Structure formats: C-alpha cells, structure tokens
Amino acid sequence: MRVFHLKKAMRLLAAFVGIGVIIVVVAAVFAYGREYRGAKVDRTNALQVIRPVAEAPAPAVSDFFTEYRLERDRVRSERSDMLREVLKNAKTDESRQKAQEAVLKLVLEKQRESEMENLIKARGFADALVFVRDNGVSAVVKTQALNREEVMQVADVIGRVSGVKPEDITISAKP
C-alpha cells in the first residue's frame, strides 16, 4: 500500500516540477521579448547589430539598465525560491538532482552575465546588460550607436566568456 502512495506522490511532484519549469520559461520569454519589440536589426555585417528606432524623448524616471537589472534579479529570485522549494520537497534522488542542476545552471548563468557586463564596461562603455540564452547571447550596450569596431570588441568579450559563436551573438545600442 505504501508503494502505491509513493508512486502517486512522485508523479504529482513530477507534474509540479514540469508546471514550474513551464511557468519560468514563459516568464523569461516574455521578459526577454519585451525589450526588443521596438528595435530594428542591421544585418549588413556578420554580427547582428540592433539600433534603436528613433522615438520622442520621454522623461526617464529611472535608468533602463538599473530597472532591467532589478527586474531580472526579481525573476531570478522567484525561480530560485521555486527550485529551493522543489529541492526541499523532493522525494526521489532523480527529482532532487534535476532541481540541483537547475539551481546550478541559474547560478552559472548569473555569474557569466555579470562577468560579461563588467568586461564590456571595462572596454569603456557606460553600462551593459547581457542575457545568456540556450541558443545565443544578447547584449544591450549603453551608447548612442555602435560602430563595427565596438561591435567586434563586445562580441569578442561575449565569445570568450560564453563560448558562443559570433553569429549567435546579438548586440544592440541603447542611449
């Protein structure tokens, strides 16, 4: 009789983990896509360069880069809390291992993004945001525009730290 209840509990836990992962992915895709809706892509060179569309200047209450970092940290904190809960309630070694791997991936992703942002700023840019994704890396650099040399500098930093090929790197400028 106990074996029967354990199997039900494992299935229920697996369902909760699956639903949690889906929610996290949907939230991440939504947050990521929201930033690039108003941009145009310049594909005249081997790397992708996104230049902002001319907009009427709006009074900025807070800095885009600071605001986005806070939002990114909030989403990561929620994901981390959810994974800790899964770890705490894991009934099997397999579910515990999957949750531990997800936590490790989250920590490594944050570390690599931070390292790339700091190295880009060390190249003389005022600020930068980097987003590591499964299929590439995106960066937003605080500047009016990027010339080809600057794009190559940023791409070099991203490529060295992340190991991503240049064609999978997207770089945009945001004043």
N, C-alpha and C. Protein backbone atom coordinates (compact mmCIF):
# COMPACT_ATOMS: atom_id res chain seq x y z
N MET A 1 0.82 -1.19 0.00
CA MET A 1 0.00 0.00 0.00
C MET A 1 0.87 1.27 0.00
N ARG A 2 1.99 1.27 0.74
CA ARG A 2 2.86 2.44 0.77
C ARG A 2 3.51 2.70 -0.58
N VAL A 3 3.87 1.67 -1.29
CA VAL A 3 4.49 1.82 -2.59
C VAL A 3 3.53 2.53 -3.53
N PHE A 4 2.27 2.19 -3.47
CA PHE A 4 1.26 2.82 -4.33
C PHE A 4 1.20 4.33 -4.07
N HIS A 5 1.20 4.75 -2.78
CA HIS A 5 1.14 6.17 -2.45
C HIS A 5 2.42 6.90 -2.85
N LEU A 6 3.56 6.22 -2.74
CA LEU A 6 4.82 6.82 -3.12
C LEU A 6 4.85 7.09 -4.63
N LYS A 7 4.34 6.16 -5.40
CA LYS A 7 4.29 6.37 -6.85
C LYS A 7 3.40 7.56 -7.20
N LYS A 8 2.27 7.67 -6.53
CA LYS A 8 1.38 8.81 -6.77
C LYS A 8 2.08 10.12 -6.40
N ALA A 9 2.79 10.12 -5.27
CA ALA A 9 3.49 11.32 -4.82
C ALA A 9 4.57 11.71 -5.81
N MET A 10 5.29 10.72 -6.35
CA MET A 10 6.34 11.01 -7.33
C MET A 10 5.75 11.59 -8.60
N ARG A 11 4.65 11.05 -9.04
CA ARG A 11 4.00 11.59 -10.25
C ARG A 11 3.52 13.01 -10.01
N LEU A 12 2.95 13.25 -8.84
CA LEU A 12 2.47 14.59 -8.51
C LEU A 12 3.63 15.58 -8.46
N LEU A 13 4.73 15.17 -7.84
CA LEU A 13 5.91 16.04 -7.76
C LEU A 13 6.45 16.33 -9.16
N ALA A 14 6.52 15.29 -10.01
CA ALA A 14 7.00 15.49 -11.37
C ALA A 14 6.09 16.46 -12.12
N ALA A 15 4.78 16.36 -11.90
CA ALA A 15 3.85 17.28 -12.55
C ALA A 15 4.08 18.71 -12.08
N PHE A 16 4.29 18.91 -10.77
CA PHE A 16 4.54 20.25 -10.24
C PHE A 16 5.84 20.83 -10.77
N VAL A 17 6.87 20.02 -10.85
CA VAL A 17 8.16 20.48 -11.39
C VAL A 17 7.99 20.87 -12.85
N GLY A 18 7.28 20.05 -13.62
CA GLY A 18 7.04 20.37 -15.03
C GLY A 18 6.28 21.67 -15.21
N ILE A 19 5.24 21.86 -14.41
CA ILE A 19 4.45 23.09 -14.49
C ILE A 19 5.32 24.29 -14.10
N GLY A 20 6.13 24.11 -13.06
CA GLY A 20 7.01 25.20 -12.62
C GLY A 20 8.00 25.60 -13.69
N VAL A 21 8.58 24.63 -14.36
CA VAL A 21 9.54 24.90 -15.43
C VAL A 21 8.85 25.64 -16.57
N ILE A 22 7.66 25.22 -16.92
CA ILE A 22 6.92 25.89 -18.00
C ILE A 22 6.63 27.34 -17.62
N ILE A 23 6.23 27.58 -16.39
CA ILE A 23 5.94 28.95 -15.95
C ILE A 23 7.20 29.81 -16.02
N VAL A 24 8.33 29.27 -15.58
CA VAL A 24 9.60 30.01 -15.61
C VAL A 24 9.99 30.34 -17.05
N VAL A 25 9.87 29.37 -17.94
CA VAL A 25 10.24 29.60 -19.34
C VAL A 25 9.35 30.66 -19.97
N VAL A 26 8.04 30.59 -19.73
CA VAL A 26 7.12 31.58 -20.29
C VAL A 26 7.45 32.97 -19.76
N ALA A 27 7.72 33.08 -18.46
CA ALA A 27 8.06 34.39 -17.88
C ALA A 27 9.36 34.93 -18.48
N ALA A 28 10.35 34.07 -18.65
CA ALA A 28 11.62 34.52 -19.21
C ALA A 28 11.47 34.95 -20.66
N VAL A 29 10.72 34.21 -21.44
CA VAL A 29 10.50 34.57 -22.85
C VAL A 29 9.76 35.90 -22.94
N PHE A 30 8.76 36.09 -22.09
CA PHE A 30 8.00 37.34 -22.11
C PHE A 30 8.90 38.52 -21.75
N ALA A 31 9.69 38.38 -20.69
CA ALA A 31 10.58 39.47 -20.27
C ALA A 31 11.63 39.76 -21.32
N TYR A 32 12.17 38.73 -21.94
CA TYR A 32 13.20 38.90 -22.96
C TYR A 32 12.64 39.58 -24.21
N GLY A 33 11.47 39.15 -24.65
CA GLY A 33 10.88 39.69 -25.87
C GLY A 33 10.40 41.12 -25.73
N ARG A 34 10.04 41.50 -24.54
CA ARG A 34 9.50 42.83 -24.29
C ARG A 34 10.52 43.93 -24.62
N GLU A 35 11.80 43.65 -24.43
CA GLU A 35 12.83 44.65 -24.63
C GLU A 35 13.15 44.91 -26.10
N TYR A 36 12.84 43.98 -26.97
CA TYR A 36 13.28 44.09 -28.36
C TYR A 36 12.15 44.37 -29.34
N ARG A 37 10.99 44.71 -28.86
CA ARG A 37 9.87 44.94 -29.76
C ARG A 37 10.05 46.19 -30.63
N GLY A 38 10.68 47.21 -30.11
CA GLY A 38 10.80 48.46 -30.86
C GLY A 38 12.14 48.66 -31.53
N ALA A 39 12.86 47.61 -31.83
CA ALA A 39 14.19 47.74 -32.41
C ALA A 39 14.21 47.24 -33.85
N LYS A 40 15.16 47.79 -34.62
CA LYS A 40 15.39 47.35 -36.00
C LYS A 40 16.74 46.64 -36.04
N VAL A 41 16.86 45.67 -36.88
CA VAL A 41 18.09 44.91 -36.97
C VAL A 41 18.86 45.34 -38.23
N ASP A 42 20.14 45.64 -38.05
CA ASP A 42 21.02 45.97 -39.15
C ASP A 42 21.85 44.73 -39.44
N ARG A 43 21.58 44.04 -40.54
CA ARG A 43 22.28 42.80 -40.86
C ARG A 43 23.30 43.00 -41.97
N THR A 44 23.95 44.15 -42.01
CA THR A 44 24.92 44.42 -43.06
C THR A 44 26.29 43.84 -42.75
N ASN A 45 26.49 43.34 -41.54
CA ASN A 45 27.76 42.72 -41.22
C ASN A 45 27.52 41.31 -40.69
N ALA A 46 28.58 40.60 -40.37
CA ALA A 46 28.45 39.20 -39.94
C ALA A 46 27.75 39.09 -38.59
N LEU A 47 27.88 40.10 -37.75
CA LEU A 47 27.21 40.10 -36.46
C LEU A 47 25.91 40.87 -36.55
N GLN A 48 25.01 40.58 -35.68
CA GLN A 48 23.76 41.32 -35.65
C GLN A 48 23.95 42.56 -34.80
N VAL A 49 23.55 43.70 -35.33
CA VAL A 49 23.62 44.96 -34.62
C VAL A 49 22.23 45.54 -34.61
N ILE A 50 21.71 45.79 -33.44
CA ILE A 50 20.37 46.35 -33.33
C ILE A 50 20.51 47.81 -32.94
N ARG A 51 19.88 48.66 -33.72
CA ARG A 51 19.90 50.09 -33.41
C ARG A 51 18.49 50.50 -33.00
N PRO A 52 18.37 51.32 -31.97
CA PRO A 52 17.04 51.70 -31.52
C PRO A 52 16.32 52.55 -32.57
N VAL A 53 15.03 52.38 -32.65
CA VAL A 53 14.19 53.17 -33.53
C VAL A 53 14.08 54.57 -32.91
N ALA A 54 14.12 55.60 -33.75
CA ALA A 54 14.02 56.96 -33.24
C ALA A 54 12.67 57.15 -32.55
N GLU A 55 12.71 57.61 -31.33
CA GLU A 55 11.49 57.84 -30.57
C GLU A 55 11.53 59.24 -29.99
N ALA A 56 10.38 59.73 -29.66
CA ALA A 56 10.33 61.02 -28.99
C ALA A 56 10.89 60.83 -27.59
N PRO A 57 11.77 61.73 -27.16
CA PRO A 57 12.36 61.56 -25.84
C PRO A 57 11.28 61.64 -24.75
N ALA A 58 11.26 60.66 -23.91
CA ALA A 58 10.32 60.64 -22.79
C ALA A 58 11.11 60.90 -21.52
N PRO A 59 10.50 61.60 -20.61
CA PRO A 59 11.20 61.86 -19.35
C PRO A 59 11.43 60.54 -18.62
N ALA A 60 12.70 60.23 -18.38
CA ALA A 60 13.04 58.97 -17.73
C ALA A 60 13.01 59.15 -16.22
N VAL A 61 12.19 58.35 -15.57
CA VAL A 61 12.12 58.39 -14.12
C VAL A 61 13.31 57.63 -13.54
N SER A 62 13.65 56.50 -14.16
CA SER A 62 14.80 55.74 -13.71
C SER A 62 15.57 55.22 -14.91
N ASP A 63 16.76 54.78 -14.69
CA ASP A 63 17.64 54.29 -15.73
C ASP A 63 17.17 52.93 -16.22
N PHE A 64 17.11 52.73 -17.53
CA PHE A 64 16.69 51.47 -18.13
C PHE A 64 17.54 50.31 -17.62
N PHE A 65 18.84 50.49 -17.57
CA PHE A 65 19.75 49.43 -17.18
C PHE A 65 19.54 49.01 -15.73
N THR A 66 19.38 49.99 -14.86
CA THR A 66 19.13 49.69 -13.45
C THR A 66 17.79 49.00 -13.27
N GLU A 67 16.79 49.55 -13.94
CA GLU A 67 15.44 48.99 -13.84
C GLU A 67 15.39 47.56 -14.35
N TYR A 68 16.05 47.29 -15.46
CA TYR A 68 16.03 45.95 -16.02
C TYR A 68 16.79 44.97 -15.14
N ARG A 69 17.90 45.41 -14.55
CA ARG A 69 18.65 44.54 -13.64
C ARG A 69 17.79 44.15 -12.44
N LEU A 70 17.06 45.13 -11.91
CA LEU A 70 16.19 44.85 -10.77
C LEU A 70 15.12 43.83 -11.16
N GLU A 71 14.52 43.99 -12.34
CA GLU A 71 13.50 43.05 -12.81
C GLU A 71 14.11 41.67 -13.03
N ARG A 72 15.27 41.61 -13.63
CA ARG A 72 15.95 40.33 -13.87
C ARG A 72 16.26 39.64 -12.55
N ASP A 73 16.73 40.40 -11.56
CA ASP A 73 17.02 39.82 -10.25
C ASP A 73 15.75 39.33 -9.56
N ARG A 74 14.65 40.05 -9.74
CA ARG A 74 13.38 39.63 -9.14
C ARG A 74 12.91 38.31 -9.73
N VAL A 75 12.99 38.19 -11.06
CA VAL A 75 12.58 36.95 -11.73
C VAL A 75 13.48 35.80 -11.30
N ARG A 76 14.78 36.06 -11.23
CA ARG A 76 15.71 35.01 -10.80
C ARG A 76 15.44 34.58 -9.37
N SER A 77 15.12 35.54 -8.53
CA SER A 77 14.82 35.23 -7.14
C SER A 77 13.59 34.33 -7.04
N GLU A 78 12.58 34.62 -7.83
CA GLU A 78 11.38 33.79 -7.84
C GLU A 78 11.71 32.38 -8.32
N ARG A 79 12.49 32.28 -9.39
CA ARG A 79 12.89 30.96 -9.90
C ARG A 79 13.69 30.21 -8.85
N SER A 80 14.60 30.89 -8.19
CA SER A 80 15.44 30.28 -7.17
C SER A 80 14.60 29.78 -6.00
N ASP A 81 13.64 30.59 -5.56
CA ASP A 81 12.76 30.18 -4.46
C ASP A 81 11.96 28.94 -4.84
N MET A 82 11.47 28.91 -6.06
CA MET A 82 10.69 27.76 -6.52
C MET A 82 11.57 26.51 -6.55
N LEU A 83 12.79 26.65 -7.04
CA LEU A 83 13.69 25.50 -7.09
C LEU A 83 14.09 25.02 -5.69
N ARG A 84 14.28 25.95 -4.76
CA ARG A 84 14.58 25.56 -3.38
C ARG A 84 13.43 24.78 -2.77
N GLU A 85 12.23 25.21 -3.08
CA GLU A 85 11.04 24.50 -2.59
C GLU A 85 10.98 23.09 -3.16
N VAL A 86 11.29 22.96 -4.44
CA VAL A 86 11.32 21.63 -5.07
C VAL A 86 12.39 20.77 -4.42
N LEU A 87 13.56 21.35 -4.17
CA LEU A 87 14.64 20.61 -3.51
C LEU A 87 14.23 20.14 -2.12
N LYS A 88 13.58 21.02 -1.39
CA LYS A 88 13.17 20.71 -0.03
C LYS A 88 12.14 19.58 0.00
N ASN A 89 11.26 19.55 -0.99
CA ASN A 89 10.17 18.57 -1.01
C ASN A 89 10.43 17.39 -1.93
N ALA A 90 11.62 17.30 -2.50
CA ALA A 90 11.92 16.21 -3.44
C ALA A 90 11.87 14.87 -2.72
N LYS A 91 11.17 13.94 -3.33
CA LYS A 91 11.03 12.60 -2.74
C LYS A 91 12.02 11.60 -3.33
N THR A 92 12.50 11.89 -4.54
CA THR A 92 13.42 10.95 -5.17
C THR A 92 14.74 11.63 -5.45
N ASP A 93 15.77 10.81 -5.60
CA ASP A 93 17.08 11.35 -5.93
C ASP A 93 17.08 11.99 -7.31
N GLU A 94 16.30 11.44 -8.23
CA GLU A 94 16.24 11.98 -9.59
C GLU A 94 15.66 13.38 -9.61
N SER A 95 14.55 13.59 -8.91
CA SER A 95 13.94 14.93 -8.89
C SER A 95 14.83 15.91 -8.15
N ARG A 96 15.50 15.45 -7.09
CA ARG A 96 16.42 16.31 -6.36
C ARG A 96 17.60 16.70 -7.25
N GLN A 97 18.12 15.74 -8.02
CA GLN A 97 19.25 16.02 -8.90
C GLN A 97 18.86 17.02 -9.99
N LYS A 98 17.68 16.86 -10.57
CA LYS A 98 17.22 17.80 -11.61
C LYS A 98 17.09 19.21 -11.04
N ALA A 99 16.54 19.32 -9.84
CA ALA A 99 16.40 20.65 -9.22
C ALA A 99 17.78 21.24 -8.91
N GLN A 100 18.72 20.41 -8.44
CA GLN A 100 20.07 20.91 -8.16
C GLN A 100 20.76 21.37 -9.44
N GLU A 101 20.56 20.65 -10.52
CA GLU A 101 21.14 21.05 -11.81
C GLU A 101 20.55 22.38 -12.28
N ALA A 102 19.25 22.56 -12.07
CA ALA A 102 18.60 23.82 -12.47
C ALA A 102 19.14 24.98 -11.63
N VAL A 103 19.35 24.76 -10.33
CA VAL A 103 19.90 25.81 -9.47
C VAL A 103 21.32 26.15 -9.92
N LEU A 104 22.12 25.14 -10.20
CA LEU A 104 23.49 25.37 -10.66
C LEU A 104 23.51 26.14 -11.98
N LYS A 105 22.64 25.79 -12.90
CA LYS A 105 22.55 26.49 -14.19
C LYS A 105 22.19 27.96 -13.97
N LEU A 106 21.25 28.21 -13.07
CA LEU A 106 20.83 29.57 -12.76
C LEU A 106 21.99 30.38 -12.19
N VAL A 107 22.75 29.80 -11.28
CA VAL A 107 23.89 30.49 -10.67
C VAL A 107 24.97 30.77 -11.71
N LEU A 108 25.28 29.77 -12.54
CA LEU A 108 26.32 29.96 -13.56
C LEU A 108 25.90 31.00 -14.59
N GLU A 109 24.62 30.99 -14.97
CA GLU A 109 24.11 31.98 -15.93
C GLU A 109 24.27 33.38 -15.37
N LYS A 110 23.92 33.57 -14.11
CA LYS A 110 24.05 34.89 -13.48
C LYS A 110 25.51 35.32 -13.41
N GLN A 111 26.38 34.39 -13.05
CA GLN A 111 27.81 34.69 -12.94
C GLN A 111 28.39 35.09 -14.30
N ARG A 112 28.07 34.33 -15.35
CA ARG A 112 28.60 34.65 -16.69
C ARG A 112 28.06 35.98 -17.19
N GLU A 113 26.77 36.25 -16.99
CA GLU A 113 26.21 37.54 -17.42
C GLU A 113 26.91 38.69 -16.71
N SER A 114 27.10 38.56 -15.42
CA SER A 114 27.77 39.61 -14.65
C SER A 114 29.21 39.82 -15.13
N GLU A 115 29.91 38.74 -15.36
CA GLU A 115 31.29 38.84 -15.84
C GLU A 115 31.36 39.55 -17.19
N MET A 116 30.48 39.16 -18.11
CA MET A 116 30.48 39.80 -19.43
C MET A 116 30.12 41.28 -19.33
N GLU A 117 29.12 41.61 -18.50
CA GLU A 117 28.74 43.02 -18.33
C GLU A 117 29.92 43.84 -17.81
N ASN A 118 30.62 43.32 -16.82
CA ASN A 118 31.76 44.05 -16.25
C ASN A 118 32.90 44.19 -17.26
N LEU A 119 33.16 43.16 -18.05
CA LEU A 119 34.22 43.25 -19.06
C LEU A 119 33.85 44.24 -20.17
N ILE A 120 32.59 44.30 -20.54
CA ILE A 120 32.15 45.27 -21.55
C ILE A 120 32.31 46.69 -21.00
N LYS A 121 31.94 46.90 -19.75
CA LYS A 121 32.12 48.22 -19.13
C LYS A 121 33.61 48.57 -19.03
N ALA A 122 34.45 47.57 -18.82
CA ALA A 122 35.89 47.81 -18.76
C ALA A 122 36.45 48.26 -20.10
N ARG A 123 35.74 47.98 -21.18
CA ARG A 123 36.15 48.42 -22.53
C ARG A 123 35.78 49.88 -22.78
N GLY A 124 35.19 50.55 -21.79
CA GLY A 124 34.92 51.97 -21.92
C GLY A 124 33.46 52.33 -22.12
N PHE A 125 32.57 51.36 -22.11
CA PHE A 125 31.14 51.66 -22.25
C PHE A 125 30.56 52.01 -20.89
N ALA A 126 29.56 52.90 -20.90
CA ALA A 126 28.98 53.37 -19.64
C ALA A 126 28.28 52.24 -18.88
N ASP A 127 27.57 51.37 -19.59
CA ASP A 127 26.84 50.27 -18.95
C ASP A 127 26.52 49.22 -20.00
N ALA A 128 26.14 48.05 -19.53
CA ALA A 128 25.78 46.96 -20.44
C ALA A 128 24.91 45.95 -19.71
N LEU A 129 24.01 45.33 -20.45
CA LEU A 129 23.20 44.21 -19.96
C LEU A 129 23.47 43.04 -20.89
N VAL A 130 23.65 41.86 -20.32
CA VAL A 130 23.89 40.66 -21.12
C VAL A 130 22.87 39.61 -20.71
N PHE A 131 22.32 38.92 -21.71
CA PHE A 131 21.31 37.89 -21.48
C PHE A 131 21.79 36.60 -22.14
N VAL A 132 22.07 35.60 -21.32
CA VAL A 132 22.50 34.30 -21.83
C VAL A 132 21.26 33.46 -22.06
N ARG A 133 21.13 32.93 -23.27
CA ARG A 133 20.01 32.06 -23.63
C ARG A 133 20.59 30.75 -24.13
N ASP A 134 19.73 29.75 -24.27
CA ASP A 134 20.18 28.44 -24.73
C ASP A 134 20.79 28.49 -26.12
N ASN A 135 20.25 29.35 -26.98
CA ASN A 135 20.71 29.39 -28.37
C ASN A 135 21.55 30.62 -28.71
N GLY A 136 21.99 31.36 -27.73
CA GLY A 136 22.82 32.52 -28.03
C GLY A 136 22.92 33.47 -26.85
N VAL A 137 23.52 34.63 -27.12
CA VAL A 137 23.69 35.67 -26.12
C VAL A 137 23.29 36.99 -26.72
N SER A 138 22.56 37.79 -25.96
CA SER A 138 22.18 39.14 -26.38
C SER A 138 22.80 40.14 -25.42
N ALA A 139 23.20 41.28 -25.97
CA ALA A 139 23.77 42.33 -25.13
C ALA A 139 23.18 43.67 -25.54
N VAL A 140 22.91 44.50 -24.55
CA VAL A 140 22.46 45.87 -24.77
C VAL A 140 23.52 46.76 -24.15
N VAL A 141 24.11 47.63 -24.96
CA VAL A 141 25.20 48.49 -24.52
C VAL A 141 24.69 49.92 -24.44
N LYS A 142 25.06 50.60 -23.35
CA LYS A 142 24.62 51.98 -23.16
C LYS A 142 25.51 52.91 -23.99
N THR A 143 25.00 53.29 -25.16
CA THR A 143 25.70 54.20 -26.07
C THR A 143 24.71 54.67 -27.13
N GLN A 144 25.00 55.77 -27.77
CA GLN A 144 24.11 56.28 -28.82
C GLN A 144 24.09 55.35 -30.03
N ALA A 145 25.24 54.88 -30.42
CA ALA A 145 25.36 53.98 -31.58
C ALA A 145 26.66 53.20 -31.44
N LEU A 146 26.71 52.09 -32.13
CA LEU A 146 27.91 51.24 -32.12
C LEU A 146 28.50 51.19 -33.52
N ASN A 147 29.80 51.42 -33.62
CA ASN A 147 30.45 51.21 -34.91
C ASN A 147 30.93 49.76 -34.98
N ARG A 148 31.42 49.37 -36.12
CA ARG A 148 31.82 47.98 -36.34
C ARG A 148 32.91 47.53 -35.36
N GLU A 149 33.86 48.41 -35.08
CA GLU A 149 34.94 48.06 -34.16
C GLU A 149 34.40 47.81 -32.75
N GLU A 150 33.47 48.64 -32.31
CA GLU A 150 32.88 48.46 -30.99
C GLU A 150 32.07 47.17 -30.92
N VAL A 151 31.35 46.87 -31.99
CA VAL A 151 30.59 45.61 -32.04
C VAL A 151 31.55 44.43 -31.92
N MET A 152 32.67 44.51 -32.62
CA MET A 152 33.65 43.42 -32.58
C MET A 152 34.24 43.28 -31.17
N GLN A 153 34.50 44.40 -30.49
CA GLN A 153 35.02 44.35 -29.12
C GLN A 153 34.04 43.65 -28.18
N VAL A 154 32.77 44.05 -28.26
CA VAL A 154 31.74 43.46 -27.40
C VAL A 154 31.56 41.99 -27.74
N ALA A 155 31.52 41.66 -29.02
CA ALA A 155 31.36 40.27 -29.44
C ALA A 155 32.55 39.42 -28.99
N ASP A 156 33.74 39.99 -29.00
CA ASP A 156 34.93 39.27 -28.55
C ASP A 156 34.82 38.91 -27.07
N VAL A 157 34.40 39.88 -26.27
CA VAL A 157 34.22 39.63 -24.83
C VAL A 157 33.19 38.53 -24.61
N ILE A 158 32.06 38.65 -25.27
CA ILE A 158 30.98 37.68 -25.10
C ILE A 158 31.42 36.29 -25.56
N GLY A 159 32.08 36.24 -26.70
CA GLY A 159 32.54 34.96 -27.23
C GLY A 159 33.54 34.27 -26.33
N ARG A 160 34.49 35.05 -25.78
CA ARG A 160 35.50 34.46 -24.90
C ARG A 160 34.89 33.92 -23.61
N VAL A 161 33.97 34.66 -23.01
CA VAL A 161 33.40 34.25 -21.73
C VAL A 161 32.37 33.14 -21.91
N SER A 162 31.52 33.26 -22.92
CA SER A 162 30.41 32.31 -23.06
C SER A 162 30.70 31.14 -23.99
N GLY A 163 31.68 31.31 -24.89
CA GLY A 163 31.96 30.26 -25.85
C GLY A 163 30.97 30.21 -27.00
N VAL A 164 30.14 31.22 -27.14
CA VAL A 164 29.12 31.29 -28.18
C VAL A 164 29.76 31.79 -29.48
N LYS A 165 29.32 31.23 -30.60
CA LYS A 165 29.82 31.65 -31.91
C LYS A 165 29.33 33.07 -32.23
N PRO A 166 30.11 33.84 -32.99
CA PRO A 166 29.73 35.23 -33.32
C PRO A 166 28.35 35.36 -33.96
N GLU A 167 27.94 34.40 -34.77
CA GLU A 167 26.63 34.51 -35.41
C GLU A 167 25.47 34.30 -34.44
N ASP A 168 25.76 33.82 -33.23
CA ASP A 168 24.72 33.63 -32.22
C ASP A 168 24.74 34.74 -31.17
N ILE A 169 25.43 35.82 -31.48
CA ILE A 169 25.52 36.97 -30.57
C ILE A 169 24.75 38.14 -31.19
N THR A 170 23.88 38.74 -30.38
CA THR A 170 23.13 39.91 -30.80
C THR A 170 23.53 41.08 -29.90
N ILE A 171 23.91 42.19 -30.53
CA ILE A 171 24.36 43.35 -29.77
C ILE A 171 23.52 44.55 -30.20
N SER A 172 23.03 45.30 -29.23
CA SER A 172 22.25 46.48 -29.54
C SER A 172 22.74 47.67 -28.72
N ALA A 173 22.42 48.85 -29.22
CA ALA A 173 22.79 50.08 -28.53
C ALA A 173 21.53 50.72 -27.95
N LYS A 174 21.65 51.23 -26.75
CA LYS A 174 20.54 51.95 -26.11
C LYS A 174 21.14 53.12 -25.36
N PRO A 175 20.74 54.32 -25.73
CA PRO A 175 21.29 55.51 -25.04
C PRO A 175 20.82 55.60 -23.59
